[in-house]
Amino acid sequence: MLENAKGGKRMWILFAILSAVFAAVTSILAKVGIEGINSNLATAIRTVVVLIMAWGIVFITGVQDGIKDITPRSFVFLILSGLATGLSWLCYYKAIQIGDVSRVAPIDKFSVVITMVLAFVFLHETVTWKAVTGGILITLGTFVMIL
């Protein structure tokens, strides 16, 4: 059973797998949907859908009152994260519009390695041999996919 140190289930694994599945489906649906449309416009449409869905979930789950508890520091970093997400989406949509999804997606997923390096440097997460080996394999796999 997948358990953490507190004895509870590690639901993060399930959510991470679902994230990967939805990201894969997103790429395929986007490639079909973006045909004949400006990539920036397509990204804007997608963003509106995500915005409505996210706020809908906030209100359905009743957590909207938590907004008053968000610190200015958290707001700044959430805004910066949103800007980075927007730039990522704009670049991704342009890339899949002019390139093959099967080649763009692995390069996009190279963000895993970049994220690991940034987590080690800025968040001081522990560097393990498994993380380094995995990062090297992902890097090699990315290069194989784009050749």
Protein backbone atom coordinates (compact mmCIF):
# COMPACT_ATOMS: atom_id res chain seq x y z
CA MET A 1 0.00 0.00 0.00
CA LEU A 2 1.18 3.54 -0.77
CA GLU A 3 1.64 5.16 2.62
CA ASN A 4 3.51 8.16 3.93
CA ALA A 5 5.28 8.57 7.26
CA LYS A 6 2.00 9.45 8.98
CA GLY A 7 0.38 6.19 7.86
CA GLY A 8 -2.00 7.85 5.41
CA LYS A 9 -2.34 7.06 1.75
CA ARG A 10 -0.11 8.95 -0.64
CA MET A 11 -2.87 10.36 -2.78
CA TRP A 12 -0.33 12.60 -4.49
CA ILE A 13 0.73 9.62 -6.62
CA LEU A 14 -2.80 9.15 -7.94
CA PHE A 15 -3.14 12.86 -8.67
CA ALA A 16 0.27 12.94 -10.36
CA ILE A 17 -0.72 10.03 -12.62
CA LEU A 18 -4.04 11.69 -13.43
CA SER A 19 -2.16 14.92 -14.18
CA ALA A 20 0.03 13.06 -16.68
CA VAL A 21 -2.98 11.42 -18.34
CA PHE A 22 -4.89 14.71 -18.61
CA ALA A 23 -1.77 16.49 -19.91
CA ALA A 24 -1.42 13.85 -22.62
CA VAL A 25 -5.08 14.13 -23.62
CA THR A 26 -4.74 17.93 -23.55
CA SER A 27 -1.96 17.81 -26.12
CA ILE A 28 -3.93 15.65 -28.53
CA LEU A 29 -7.14 17.66 -28.17
CA ALA A 30 -5.21 20.93 -28.53
CA LYS A 31 -3.45 19.81 -31.71
CA VAL A 32 -6.81 18.97 -33.31
CA GLY A 33 -8.51 22.11 -31.97
CA ILE A 34 -5.78 24.55 -32.92
CA GLU A 35 -5.96 23.76 -36.63
CA GLY A 36 -6.55 26.97 -38.56
CA ILE A 37 -6.64 29.14 -35.41
CA ASN A 38 -4.05 31.59 -34.07
CA SER A 39 -2.19 29.84 -31.25
CA ASN A 40 -2.55 32.84 -28.91
CA LEU A 41 -6.31 32.90 -29.44
CA ALA A 42 -6.48 29.17 -28.81
CA THR A 43 -4.51 29.61 -25.58
CA ALA A 44 -6.87 32.39 -24.47
CA ILE A 45 -9.91 30.18 -25.07
CA ARG A 46 -8.30 27.32 -23.14
CA THR A 47 -7.42 29.70 -20.31
CA VAL A 48 -11.01 30.93 -19.97
CA VAL A 49 -12.21 27.34 -19.71
CA VAL A 50 -9.58 26.55 -17.05
CA LEU A 51 -10.48 29.75 -15.16
CA ILE A 52 -14.19 28.93 -15.09
CA MET A 53 -13.53 25.33 -14.09
CA ALA A 54 -11.07 26.27 -11.32
CA TRP A 55 -13.36 28.88 -9.77
CA GLY A 56 -16.30 26.50 -10.12
CA ILE A 57 -14.42 23.90 -8.09
CA VAL A 58 -13.53 26.54 -5.48
CA PHE A 59 -17.19 27.46 -5.02
CA ILE A 60 -18.48 23.88 -5.21
CA THR A 61 -16.06 22.82 -2.48
CA GLY A 62 -16.80 25.97 -0.45
CA VAL A 63 -13.21 27.09 0.03
CA GLN A 64 -13.62 30.62 -1.37
CA ASP A 65 -13.43 32.11 2.15
CA GLY A 66 -9.78 31.01 2.30
CA ILE A 67 -8.82 33.84 -0.03
CA LYS A 68 -8.66 36.22 2.94
CA ASP A 69 -5.97 34.03 4.55
CA ILE A 70 -3.55 34.27 1.62
CA THR A 71 -0.48 36.30 2.53
CA PRO A 72 0.89 39.02 0.24
CA ARG A 73 3.99 36.85 -0.30
CA SER A 74 1.84 33.93 -1.43
CA PHE A 75 -0.14 36.21 -3.74
CA VAL A 76 3.08 37.46 -5.36
CA PHE A 77 4.37 33.94 -5.95
CA LEU A 78 0.99 32.70 -7.21
CA ILE A 79 0.85 35.62 -9.64
CA LEU A 80 4.39 34.89 -10.83
CA SER A 81 3.48 31.21 -11.19
CA GLY A 82 0.43 32.21 -13.22
CA LEU A 83 2.57 34.35 -15.50
CA ALA A 84 5.01 31.47 -15.99
CA THR A 85 2.09 29.13 -16.73
CA GLY A 86 0.66 31.56 -19.27
CA LEU A 87 3.99 31.93 -21.03
CA SER A 88 4.44 28.16 -21.01
CA TRP A 89 1.00 27.62 -22.54
CA LEU A 90 1.52 30.30 -25.19
CA CYS A 91 4.83 28.74 -26.22
CA TYR A 92 3.45 25.19 -26.08
CA TYR A 93 0.45 26.00 -28.27
CA LYS A 94 2.67 27.73 -30.83
CA ALA A 95 5.04 24.75 -30.79
CA ILE A 96 2.29 22.16 -31.34
CA GLN A 97 0.72 24.32 -34.01
CA ILE A 98 3.87 24.29 -36.11
CA GLY A 99 5.43 21.00 -34.96
CA ASP A 100 4.53 17.39 -34.24
CA VAL A 101 2.98 16.82 -30.82
CA SER A 102 5.00 13.61 -30.52
CA ARG A 103 8.18 15.69 -30.72
CA VAL A 104 7.01 18.81 -28.87
CA ALA A 105 5.62 16.99 -25.82
CA PRO A 106 8.90 15.29 -24.82
CA ILE A 107 10.74 18.60 -25.04
CA ASP A 108 7.99 20.23 -22.96
CA LYS A 109 8.29 17.43 -20.41
CA PHE A 110 12.00 18.20 -20.12
CA SER A 111 10.60 20.71 -17.65
CA VAL A 112 10.77 17.80 -15.19
CA VAL A 113 14.57 17.96 -15.23
CA ILE A 114 14.61 21.76 -15.06
CA THR A 115 12.16 21.62 -12.15
CA MET A 116 14.34 19.10 -10.32
CA VAL A 117 17.43 21.31 -10.69
CA LEU A 118 15.52 24.39 -9.54
CA ALA A 119 14.08 22.44 -6.58
CA PHE A 120 17.58 21.35 -5.55
CA VAL A 121 19.00 24.87 -5.87
CA PHE A 122 16.19 27.08 -4.58
CA LEU A 123 14.09 24.80 -2.37
CA HIS A 124 17.09 22.87 -1.03
CA GLU A 125 15.43 19.53 -1.74
CA THR A 126 17.64 16.51 -1.23
CA VAL A 127 19.71 15.41 -4.21
CA THR A 128 19.61 11.61 -4.42
CA TRP A 129 21.26 9.19 -6.81
CA LYS A 130 17.77 8.16 -8.01
CA ALA A 131 16.86 11.76 -8.83
CA VAL A 132 20.14 12.38 -10.65
CA THR A 133 19.90 9.08 -12.57
CA GLY A 134 16.28 9.77 -13.48
CA GLY A 135 17.13 13.29 -14.59
CA ILE A 136 19.95 12.01 -16.78
CA LEU A 137 17.69 9.37 -18.34
CA ILE A 138 14.95 11.92 -19.01
CA THR A 139 17.53 14.22 -20.60
CA LEU A 140 18.87 11.42 -22.80
CA GLY A 141 15.33 10.38 -23.74
CA THR A 142 14.46 13.95 -24.65
CA PHE A 143 17.46 14.20 -26.96
CA VAL A 144 16.62 10.86 -28.58
CA MET A 145 13.04 12.04 -29.23
CA ILE A 146 14.09 15.30 -30.90
CA LEU A 147 16.78 13.86 -33.17
